[in-house]
Amino acid sequence: MGSDVDRPDKPSDLSEAALALDRELRRFADLAEQAGQLKLDTEKNLERATESLTRAAESQDRINAHVQQLVAAVSVTRRKQESDAAALMKRAQEIAARRKEFADVLQRMAGLGRMAKDVQEALKAGTSAVDEVQSRMQRIADEAAEIARVAQEKEMEDVARQAEVLRQQVLAARNKVGLLAPKARA
């Protein structure tokens, strides 16, 4: 039995078995009705009634075969659904674990933002020496590089790119602070 998921236009084995059973049940009902309506008043009608009974008995045999096919199709479908559900549960666990990994890395990125804000406030206030500010900026750049490395290892491409861009921006800002420092001293 092939995968019906690959061919959505193809009826499933389950639906085909159910339709075959339904068709045969209708045929049986028609035969039973015919046999019941025949008057048993002539030899010809007795022959027709006997023929209807024979065809109904044959139909009953086909019904039994269709029921077995339907039961088998239900069993296959149930096993497939259970297998799909187990795979889905496994995937849900993978997604939850992956979300946690992302949350951990993003939390580290948020920490970089707080560190950068502290450096920015120190620069505005002029309360820190240039060397201290540059050192703090280097720590931010180093942490951004580490986050980028971890994100790259964990195949978090967008986070790795963001961390690398931040690292480059912080290093560029640190260099500008270094260039401005002699002017501030002069």
C-alpha atoms as a PDB file:
ATOM      1  CA  MET A   1       0.000   0.000   0.000  1.00  0.00           C
ATOM      2  CA  GLY A   2       1.606   3.228  -1.160  1.00  0.00           C
ATOM      3  CA  SER A   3       1.618   6.557   0.553  1.00  0.00           C
ATOM      4  CA  ASP A   4      -1.562   8.445  -0.196  1.00  0.00           C
ATOM      5  CA  VAL A   5       0.016  11.627   1.140  1.00  0.00           C
ATOM      6  CA  ASP A   6       2.163  11.817  -1.990  1.00  0.00           C
ATOM      7  CA  ARG A   7      -0.969  11.726  -4.205  1.00  0.00           C
ATOM      8  CA  PRO A   8      -3.749  13.792  -2.639  1.00  0.00           C
ATOM      9  CA  ASP A   9      -5.958  13.162  -5.705  1.00  0.00           C
ATOM     10  CA  LYS A  10      -5.808   9.364  -5.161  1.00  0.00           C
ATOM     11  CA  PRO A  11      -8.375   7.948  -2.751  1.00  0.00           C
ATOM     12  CA  SER A  12      -6.910   6.239   0.301  1.00  0.00           C
ATOM     13  CA  ASP A  13      -7.133   2.493   0.801  1.00  0.00           C
ATOM     14  CA  LEU A  14      -9.446   3.222   3.718  1.00  0.00           C
ATOM     15  CA  SER A  15     -11.888   5.266   1.645  1.00  0.00           C
ATOM     16  CA  GLU A  16     -11.769   2.761  -1.223  1.00  0.00           C
ATOM     17  CA  ALA A  17     -12.556  -0.102   1.179  1.00  0.00           C
ATOM     18  CA  ALA A  18     -15.407   1.872   2.743  1.00  0.00           C
ATOM     19  CA  LEU A  19     -16.851   2.781  -0.666  1.00  0.00           C
ATOM     20  CA  ALA A  20     -16.626  -0.835  -1.891  1.00  0.00           C
ATOM     21  CA  LEU A  21     -18.434  -2.012   1.257  1.00  0.00           C
ATOM     22  CA  ASP A  22     -21.068   0.688   0.848  1.00  0.00           C
ATOM     23  CA  ARG A  23     -21.675  -0.260  -2.797  1.00  0.00           C
ATOM     24  CA  GLU A  24     -22.035  -3.929  -1.906  1.00  0.00           C
ATOM     25  CA  LEU A  25     -24.375  -3.155   1.001  1.00  0.00           C
ATOM     26  CA  ARG A  26     -26.611  -1.186  -1.386  1.00  0.00           C
ATOM     27  CA  ARG A  27     -26.535  -4.061  -3.878  1.00  0.00           C
ATOM     28  CA  PHE A  28     -27.487  -6.488  -1.097  1.00  0.00           C
ATOM     29  CA  ALA A  29     -30.339  -4.231   0.026  1.00  0.00           C
ATOM     30  CA  ASP A  30     -31.648  -4.064  -3.555  1.00  0.00           C
ATOM     31  CA  LEU A  31     -31.470  -7.854  -3.889  1.00  0.00           C
ATOM     32  CA  ALA A  32     -33.207  -8.337  -0.540  1.00  0.00           C
ATOM     33  CA  GLU A  33     -35.939  -5.912  -1.588  1.00  0.00           C
ATOM     34  CA  GLN A  34     -36.388  -7.699  -4.925  1.00  0.00           C
ATOM     35  CA  ALA A  35     -36.617 -11.090  -3.205  1.00  0.00           C
ATOM     36  CA  GLY A  36     -39.150  -9.718  -0.737  1.00  0.00           C
ATOM     37  CA  GLN A  37     -41.378  -8.129  -3.372  1.00  0.00           C
ATOM     38  CA  LEU A  38     -41.706 -11.153  -5.626  1.00  0.00           C
ATOM     39  CA  LYS A  39     -45.001 -12.947  -5.295  1.00  0.00           C
ATOM     40  CA  LEU A  40     -44.461 -16.616  -4.871  1.00  0.00           C
ATOM     41  CA  ASP A  41     -47.495 -17.519  -6.947  1.00  0.00           C
ATOM     42  CA  THR A  42     -45.873 -18.928 -10.094  1.00  0.00           C
ATOM     43  CA  GLU A  43     -43.043 -21.256 -10.885  1.00  0.00           C
ATOM     44  CA  LYS A  44     -41.280 -18.443 -12.757  1.00  0.00           C
ATOM     45  CA  ASN A  45     -41.509 -16.137  -9.701  1.00  0.00           C
ATOM     46  CA  LEU A  46     -40.201 -18.965  -7.490  1.00  0.00           C
ATOM     47  CA  GLU A  47     -37.207 -19.270  -9.809  1.00  0.00           C
ATOM     48  CA  ARG A  48     -36.669 -15.502  -9.708  1.00  0.00           C
ATOM     49  CA  ALA A  49     -36.909 -15.482  -5.906  1.00  0.00           C
ATOM     50  CA  THR A  50     -34.454 -18.393  -5.706  1.00  0.00           C
ATOM     51  CA  GLU A  51     -32.099 -16.545  -8.062  1.00  0.00           C
ATOM     52  CA  SER A  52     -32.423 -13.379  -5.932  1.00  0.00           C
ATOM     53  CA  LEU A  53     -31.575 -15.421  -2.822  1.00  0.00           C
ATOM     54  CA  THR A  54     -28.539 -16.911  -4.545  1.00  0.00           C
ATOM     55  CA  ARG A  55     -27.319 -13.459  -5.667  1.00  0.00           C
ATOM     56  CA  ALA A  56     -27.982 -12.085  -2.160  1.00  0.00           C
ATOM     57  CA  ALA A  57     -25.932 -14.932  -0.639  1.00  0.00           C
ATOM     58  CA  GLU A  58     -23.080 -14.156  -3.070  1.00  0.00           C
ATOM     59  CA  SER A  59     -23.403 -10.484  -2.161  1.00  0.00           C
ATOM     60  CA  GLN A  60     -23.265 -11.413   1.525  1.00  0.00           C
ATOM     61  CA  ASP A  61     -19.961 -13.218   0.870  1.00  0.00           C
ATOM     62  CA  ARG A  62     -18.622 -10.101  -0.883  1.00  0.00           C
ATOM     63  CA  ILE A  63     -19.821  -7.960   2.039  1.00  0.00           C
ATOM     64  CA  ASN A  64     -17.854 -10.146   4.443  1.00  0.00           C
ATOM     65  CA  ALA A  65     -14.739  -9.784   2.244  1.00  0.00           C
ATOM     66  CA  HIS A  66     -15.221  -5.990   2.074  1.00  0.00           C
ATOM     67  CA  VAL A  67     -15.646  -5.806   5.858  1.00  0.00           C
ATOM     68  CA  GLN A  68     -12.345  -7.656   6.256  1.00  0.00           C
ATOM     69  CA  GLN A  69     -10.671  -5.261   3.795  1.00  0.00           C
ATOM     70  CA  LEU A  70     -12.125  -2.290   5.656  1.00  0.00           C
ATOM     71  CA  VAL A  71     -10.928  -3.642   9.017  1.00  0.00           C
ATOM     72  CA  ALA A  72      -7.450  -4.184   7.538  1.00  0.00           C
ATOM     73  CA  ALA A  73      -7.438  -0.656   6.064  1.00  0.00           C
ATOM     74  CA  VAL A  74      -8.553   0.802   9.417  1.00  0.00           C
ATOM     75  CA  SER A  75      -5.762  -1.114  11.143  1.00  0.00           C
ATOM     76  CA  VAL A  76      -3.147   0.146   8.675  1.00  0.00           C
ATOM     77  CA  THR A  77      -4.499   3.682   8.975  1.00  0.00           C
ATOM     78  CA  ARG A  78      -4.464   3.493  12.781  1.00  0.00           C
ATOM     79  CA  ARG A  79      -0.844   2.272  12.808  1.00  0.00           C
ATOM     80  CA  LYS A  80       0.148   5.059  10.388  1.00  0.00           C
ATOM     81  CA  GLN A  81      -1.638   7.665  12.504  1.00  0.00           C
ATOM     82  CA  GLU A  82       0.044   6.367  15.668  1.00  0.00           C
ATOM     83  CA  SER A  83       3.424   6.438  13.924  1.00  0.00           C
ATOM     84  CA  ASP A  84       2.756   9.979  12.682  1.00  0.00           C
ATOM     85  CA  ALA A  85       1.648  11.045  16.168  1.00  0.00           C
ATOM     86  CA  ALA A  86       4.834   9.597  17.704  1.00  0.00           C
ATOM     87  CA  ALA A  87       6.936  11.401  15.086  1.00  0.00           C
ATOM     88  CA  LEU A  88       5.018  14.589  15.787  1.00  0.00           C
ATOM     89  CA  MET A  89       5.629  14.274  19.543  1.00  0.00           C
ATOM     90  CA  LYS A  90       9.326  13.728  18.897  1.00  0.00           C
ATOM     91  CA  ARG A  91       9.357  16.803  16.657  1.00  0.00           C
ATOM     92  CA  ALA A  92       7.544  18.820  19.341  1.00  0.00           C
ATOM     93  CA  GLN A  93      10.283  17.887  21.810  1.00  0.00           C
ATOM     94  CA  GLU A  94      12.955  18.895  19.276  1.00  0.00           C
ATOM     95  CA  ILE A  95      11.189  22.212  18.713  1.00  0.00           C
ATOM     96  CA  ALA A  96      10.924  22.863  22.463  1.00  0.00           C
ATOM     97  CA  ALA A  97      14.623  22.087  22.930  1.00  0.00           C
ATOM     98  CA  ARG A  98      15.514  24.287  19.972  1.00  0.00           C
ATOM     99  CA  ARG A  99      13.366  27.138  21.317  1.00  0.00           C
ATOM    100  CA  LYS A 100      15.260  26.908  24.597  1.00  0.00           C
ATOM    101  CA  GLU A 101      18.602  27.048  22.767  1.00  0.00           C
ATOM    102  CA  PHE A 102      17.434  30.124  20.865  1.00  0.00           C
ATOM    103  CA  ALA A 103      16.126  31.734  24.067  1.00  0.00           C
ATOM    104  CA  ASP A 104      19.476  31.149  25.788  1.00  0.00           C
ATOM    105  CA  VAL A 105      21.459  32.691  22.930  1.00  0.00           C
ATOM    106  CA  LEU A 106      19.019  35.583  22.578  1.00  0.00           C
ATOM    107  CA  GLN A 107      19.249  36.206  26.308  1.00  0.00           C
ATOM    108  CA  ARG A 108      23.020  36.530  25.899  1.00  0.00           C
ATOM    109  CA  MET A 109      22.392  38.975  23.035  1.00  0.00           C
ATOM    110  CA  ALA A 110      20.119  41.010  25.307  1.00  0.00           C
ATOM    111  CA  GLY A 111      22.944  41.073  27.861  1.00  0.00           C
ATOM    112  CA  LEU A 112      25.176  42.609  25.199  1.00  0.00           C
ATOM    113  CA  GLY A 113      22.581  45.302  24.662  1.00  0.00           C
ATOM    114  CA  ARG A 114      22.631  46.154  28.374  1.00  0.00           C
ATOM    115  CA  MET A 115      26.440  46.240  28.365  1.00  0.00           C
ATOM    116  CA  ALA A 116      26.438  48.531  25.331  1.00  0.00           C
ATOM    117  CA  LYS A 117      23.913  50.831  26.991  1.00  0.00           C
ATOM    118  CA  ASP A 118      26.128  51.052  30.095  1.00  0.00           C
ATOM    119  CA  VAL A 119      29.105  52.001  27.911  1.00  0.00           C
ATOM    120  CA  GLN A 120      27.016  54.590  26.079  1.00  0.00           C
ATOM    121  CA  GLU A 121      25.920  56.147  29.388  1.00  0.00           C
ATOM    122  CA  ALA A 122      29.502  56.160  30.640  1.00  0.00           C
ATOM    123  CA  LEU A 123      30.596  57.966  27.473  1.00  0.00           C
ATOM    124  CA  LYS A 124      27.812  60.552  27.798  1.00  0.00           C
ATOM    125  CA  ALA A 125      28.556  61.169  31.441  1.00  0.00           C
ATOM    126  CA  GLY A 126      32.285  61.272  30.871  1.00  0.00           C
ATOM    127  CA  THR A 127      32.743  59.389  34.145  1.00  0.00           C
ATOM    128  CA  SER A 128      34.991  56.648  32.738  1.00  0.00           C
ATOM    129  CA  ALA A 129      38.486  56.845  31.358  1.00  0.00           C
ATOM    130  CA  VAL A 130      38.843  56.207  27.633  1.00  0.00           C
ATOM    131  CA  ASP A 131      40.941  53.099  28.301  1.00  0.00           C
ATOM    132  CA  GLU A 132      38.226  51.681  30.569  1.00  0.00           C
ATOM    133  CA  VAL A 133      35.514  52.401  27.984  1.00  0.00           C
ATOM    134  CA  GLN A 134      37.584  50.799  25.242  1.00  0.00           C
ATOM    135  CA  SER A 135      38.179  47.768  27.465  1.00  0.00           C
ATOM    136  CA  ARG A 136      34.470  47.419  28.150  1.00  0.00           C
ATOM    137  CA  MET A 137      33.745  47.755  24.437  1.00  0.00           C
ATOM    138  CA  GLN A 138      36.314  45.049  23.694  1.00  0.00           C
ATOM    139  CA  ARG A 139      34.572  42.746  26.197  1.00  0.00           C
ATOM    140  CA  ILE A 140      31.279  43.389  24.388  1.00  0.00           C
ATOM    141  CA  ALA A 141      32.912  42.618  21.033  1.00  0.00           C
ATOM    142  CA  ASP A 142      34.502  39.450  22.449  1.00  0.00           C
ATOM    143  CA  GLU A 143      31.165  38.311  23.895  1.00  0.00           C
ATOM    144  CA  ALA A 144      29.471  39.068  20.559  1.00  0.00           C
ATOM    145  CA  ALA A 145      32.112  36.957  18.800  1.00  0.00           C
ATOM    146  CA  GLU A 146      31.495  34.112  21.259  1.00  0.00           C
ATOM    147  CA  ILE A 147      27.733  34.369  20.759  1.00  0.00           C
ATOM    148  CA  ALA A 148      28.262  34.361  16.980  1.00  0.00           C
ATOM    149  CA  ARG A 149      30.442  31.236  17.289  1.00  0.00           C
ATOM    150  CA  VAL A 150      27.873  29.425  19.464  1.00  0.00           C
ATOM    151  CA  ALA A 151      25.024  30.484  17.180  1.00  0.00           C
ATOM    152  CA  GLN A 152      26.971  29.283  14.141  1.00  0.00           C
ATOM    153  CA  GLU A 153      27.644  25.910  15.811  1.00  0.00           C
ATOM    154  CA  LYS A 154      23.950  25.566  16.606  1.00  0.00           C
ATOM    155  CA  GLU A 155      23.022  26.563  13.037  1.00  0.00           C
ATOM    156  CA  MET A 156      21.266  29.744  14.133  1.00  0.00           C
ATOM    157  CA  GLU A 157      22.307  31.690  11.060  1.00  0.00           C
ATOM    158  CA  ASP A 158      20.311  34.869  11.699  1.00  0.00           C
ATOM    159  CA  VAL A 159      21.473  35.164  15.307  1.00  0.00           C
ATOM    160  CA  ALA A 160      25.081  34.478  14.255  1.00  0.00           C
ATOM    161  CA  ARG A 161      24.832  37.266  11.657  1.00  0.00           C
ATOM    162  CA  GLN A 162      23.319  39.688  14.181  1.00  0.00           C
ATOM    163  CA  ALA A 163      26.052  38.948  16.707  1.00  0.00           C
ATOM    164  CA  GLU A 164      28.776  39.390  14.086  1.00  0.00           C
ATOM    165  CA  VAL A 165      27.288  42.690  12.908  1.00  0.00           C
ATOM    166  CA  LEU A 166      27.118  43.875  16.514  1.00  0.00           C
ATOM    167  CA  ARG A 167      30.727  42.815  17.097  1.00  0.00           C
ATOM    168  CA  GLN A 168      31.870  44.778  14.056  1.00  0.00           C
ATOM    169  CA  GLN A 169      29.847  47.845  15.083  1.00  0.00           C
ATOM    170  CA  VAL A 170      31.244  47.778  18.615  1.00  0.00           C
ATOM    171  CA  LEU A 171      34.823  47.404  17.336  1.00  0.00           C
ATOM    172  CA  ALA A 172      34.285  50.304  14.927  1.00  0.00           C
ATOM    173  CA  ALA A 173      32.870  52.422  17.773  1.00  0.00           C
ATOM    174  CA  ARG A 174      35.765  51.417  20.037  1.00  0.00           C
ATOM    175  CA  ASN A 175      38.232  52.530  17.357  1.00  0.00           C
ATOM    176  CA  LYS A 176      36.407  55.874  16.999  1.00  0.00           C
ATOM    177  CA  VAL A 177      36.562  56.371  20.763  1.00  0.00           C
ATOM    178  CA  GLY A 178      40.303  55.678  20.561  1.00  0.00           C
ATOM    179  CA  LEU A 179      40.713  58.237  17.771  1.00  0.00           C
ATOM    180  CA  LEU A 180      38.670  60.847  19.640  1.00  0.00           C
ATOM    181  CA  ALA A 181      40.519  60.301  22.914  1.00  0.00           C
ATOM    182  CA  PRO A 182      43.690  62.237  21.918  1.00  0.00           C
ATOM    183  CA  LYS A 183      41.493  65.157  20.767  1.00  0.00           C
ATOM    184  CA  ALA A 184      39.665  65.161  24.091  1.00  0.00           C
ATOM    185  CA  ARG A 185      42.974  65.198  25.964  1.00  0.00           C
ATOM    186  CA  ALA A 186      44.362  68.046  23.835  1.00  0.00           C
END
